[in-house]
Amino acid sequence: MDWKLFITTFWIVFLAELGDKTQLTAMVMTAKSHKMWTVFLSASLALVLVTFLGVLISDAFASFVPEHIIKKISGISFLIIGLLILLNKI
């Protein structure tokens, strides 16, 4: 296992997920239901599944698209999403 990649990925995802709508949704669901473990387990499973699908699709995509093109597509996508958020279109 590449521990440097593991730790870097962990911290990037951890910091990116702090205070996002998924975390806020889990907080609301817990407050409404008072069933902390059910919400924790189901939210964790959902995040694991979404992450797995993202990695699986990315791995397949990266096998036939060069890395520099993927980076450009990602950067442009983030810029477009940021602009749409800024203009209140999303």
C-alpha atoms as a PDB file:
ATOM      1  CA  MET A   1       0.000   0.000   0.000  1.00  0.00           C
ATOM      2  CA  ASP A   2       1.153   3.506  -0.826  1.00  0.00           C
ATOM      3  CA  TRP A   3       0.859   5.137   2.613  1.00  0.00           C
ATOM      4  CA  LYS A   4       1.675   8.632   1.374  1.00  0.00           C
ATOM      5  CA  LEU A   5      -1.187   8.426  -1.146  1.00  0.00           C
ATOM      6  CA  PHE A   6      -3.450   6.921   1.521  1.00  0.00           C
ATOM      7  CA  ILE A   7      -2.803   9.711   4.027  1.00  0.00           C
ATOM      8  CA  THR A   8      -3.024  12.469   1.404  1.00  0.00           C
ATOM      9  CA  THR A   9      -6.316  11.120   0.045  1.00  0.00           C
ATOM     10  CA  PHE A  10      -7.725  10.709   3.553  1.00  0.00           C
ATOM     11  CA  TRP A  11      -7.006  14.303   4.558  1.00  0.00           C
ATOM     12  CA  ILE A  12      -8.190  15.818   1.279  1.00  0.00           C
ATOM     13  CA  VAL A  13     -11.510  13.950   1.433  1.00  0.00           C
ATOM     14  CA  PHE A  14     -11.882  14.562   5.183  1.00  0.00           C
ATOM     15  CA  LEU A  15     -11.394  18.316   4.823  1.00  0.00           C
ATOM     16  CA  ALA A  16     -13.568  18.506   1.705  1.00  0.00           C
ATOM     17  CA  GLU A  17     -16.446  16.728   3.454  1.00  0.00           C
ATOM     18  CA  LEU A  18     -16.437  18.872   6.613  1.00  0.00           C
ATOM     19  CA  GLY A  19     -19.643  20.863   6.760  1.00  0.00           C
ATOM     20  CA  ASP A  20     -20.912  19.735   3.372  1.00  0.00           C
ATOM     21  CA  LYS A  21     -24.562  19.010   2.682  1.00  0.00           C
ATOM     22  CA  THR A  22     -24.086  15.282   3.329  1.00  0.00           C
ATOM     23  CA  GLN A  23     -22.817  15.949   6.836  1.00  0.00           C
ATOM     24  CA  LEU A  24     -25.598  18.446   7.476  1.00  0.00           C
ATOM     25  CA  THR A  25     -28.172  15.937   6.224  1.00  0.00           C
ATOM     26  CA  ALA A  26     -26.800  13.293   8.589  1.00  0.00           C
ATOM     27  CA  MET A  27     -27.052  15.766  11.450  1.00  0.00           C
ATOM     28  CA  VAL A  28     -30.686  16.548  10.633  1.00  0.00           C
ATOM     29  CA  MET A  29     -31.574  12.862  10.244  1.00  0.00           C
ATOM     30  CA  THR A  30     -29.975  12.084  13.610  1.00  0.00           C
ATOM     31  CA  ALA A  31     -31.730  14.989  15.317  1.00  0.00           C
ATOM     32  CA  LYS A  32     -35.116  13.902  13.909  1.00  0.00           C
ATOM     33  CA  SER A  33     -34.798  10.182  14.542  1.00  0.00           C
ATOM     34  CA  HIS A  34     -32.510  10.050  17.598  1.00  0.00           C
ATOM     35  CA  LYS A  35     -31.014   6.910  16.010  1.00  0.00           C
ATOM     36  CA  MET A  36     -27.358   7.871  15.766  1.00  0.00           C
ATOM     37  CA  TRP A  37     -25.984   4.460  14.797  1.00  0.00           C
ATOM     38  CA  THR A  38     -28.548   3.816  12.067  1.00  0.00           C
ATOM     39  CA  VAL A  39     -27.835   7.191  10.472  1.00  0.00           C
ATOM     40  CA  PHE A  40     -24.075   6.755  10.903  1.00  0.00           C
ATOM     41  CA  LEU A  41     -24.012   3.294   9.325  1.00  0.00           C
ATOM     42  CA  SER A  42     -26.316   4.160   6.429  1.00  0.00           C
ATOM     43  CA  ALA A  43     -24.528   7.454   5.648  1.00  0.00           C
ATOM     44  CA  SER A  44     -21.146   5.708   5.855  1.00  0.00           C
ATOM     45  CA  LEU A  45     -22.284   2.942   3.520  1.00  0.00           C
ATOM     46  CA  ALA A  46     -23.650   5.500   1.052  1.00  0.00           C
ATOM     47  CA  LEU A  47     -20.360   7.432   1.073  1.00  0.00           C
ATOM     48  CA  VAL A  48     -18.346   4.234   0.597  1.00  0.00           C
ATOM     49  CA  LEU A  49     -20.547   3.167  -2.331  1.00  0.00           C
ATOM     50  CA  VAL A  50     -20.397   6.577  -4.037  1.00  0.00           C
ATOM     51  CA  THR A  51     -16.618   6.692  -3.570  1.00  0.00           C
ATOM     52  CA  PHE A  52     -16.240   3.156  -4.927  1.00  0.00           C
ATOM     53  CA  LEU A  53     -18.282   4.004  -8.019  1.00  0.00           C
ATOM     54  CA  GLY A  54     -16.241   7.159  -8.568  1.00  0.00           C
ATOM     55  CA  VAL A  55     -12.958   5.262  -8.309  1.00  0.00           C
ATOM     56  CA  LEU A  56     -14.221   2.450 -10.539  1.00  0.00           C
ATOM     57  CA  ILE A  57     -15.459   4.821 -13.241  1.00  0.00           C
ATOM     58  CA  SER A  58     -12.309   6.955 -13.008  1.00  0.00           C
ATOM     59  CA  ASP A  59     -10.080   3.914 -13.362  1.00  0.00           C
ATOM     60  CA  ALA A  60     -11.926   2.799 -16.494  1.00  0.00           C
ATOM     61  CA  PHE A  61     -11.935   6.342 -17.905  1.00  0.00           C
ATOM     62  CA  ALA A  62      -8.214   6.831 -17.181  1.00  0.00           C
ATOM     63  CA  SER A  63      -7.347   3.674 -19.110  1.00  0.00           C
ATOM     64  CA  PHE A  64      -8.200   5.340 -22.440  1.00  0.00           C
ATOM     65  CA  VAL A  65      -7.979   9.111 -21.755  1.00  0.00           C
ATOM     66  CA  PRO A  66      -4.572  10.718 -21.055  1.00  0.00           C
ATOM     67  CA  GLU A  67      -4.048  12.193 -17.578  1.00  0.00           C
ATOM     68  CA  HIS A  68      -3.406  15.744 -18.817  1.00  0.00           C
ATOM     69  CA  ILE A  69      -6.802  15.782 -20.559  1.00  0.00           C
ATOM     70  CA  ILE A  70      -8.540  14.502 -17.420  1.00  0.00           C
ATOM     71  CA  LYS A  71      -6.886  17.296 -15.403  1.00  0.00           C
ATOM     72  CA  LYS A  72      -8.039  19.921 -17.913  1.00  0.00           C
ATOM     73  CA  ILE A  73     -11.598  18.552 -17.952  1.00  0.00           C
ATOM     74  CA  SER A  74     -11.654  18.532 -14.127  1.00  0.00           C
ATOM     75  CA  GLY A  75     -10.331  22.074 -13.884  1.00  0.00           C
ATOM     76  CA  ILE A  76     -12.787  23.427 -16.429  1.00  0.00           C
ATOM     77  CA  SER A  77     -15.656  21.576 -14.718  1.00  0.00           C
ATOM     78  CA  PHE A  78     -14.776  23.101 -11.336  1.00  0.00           C
ATOM     79  CA  LEU A  79     -14.567  26.562 -12.890  1.00  0.00           C
ATOM     80  CA  ILE A  80     -17.972  26.168 -14.557  1.00  0.00           C
ATOM     81  CA  ILE A  81     -19.589  24.860 -11.371  1.00  0.00           C
ATOM     82  CA  GLY A  82     -18.002  27.671  -9.338  1.00  0.00           C
ATOM     83  CA  LEU A  83     -19.229  30.273 -11.818  1.00  0.00           C
ATOM     84  CA  LEU A  84     -22.754  28.815 -11.795  1.00  0.00           C
ATOM     85  CA  ILE A  85     -22.798  28.841  -7.997  1.00  0.00           C
ATOM     86  CA  LEU A  86     -21.508  32.412  -7.975  1.00  0.00           C
ATOM     87  CA  LEU A  87     -24.283  33.453 -10.353  1.00  0.00           C
ATOM     88  CA  ASN A  88     -26.900  31.556  -8.289  1.00  0.00           C
ATOM     89  CA  LYS A  89     -27.726  29.244 -11.211  1.00  0.00           C
ATOM     90  CA  ILE A  90     -27.274  26.108  -9.104  1.00  0.00           C
END
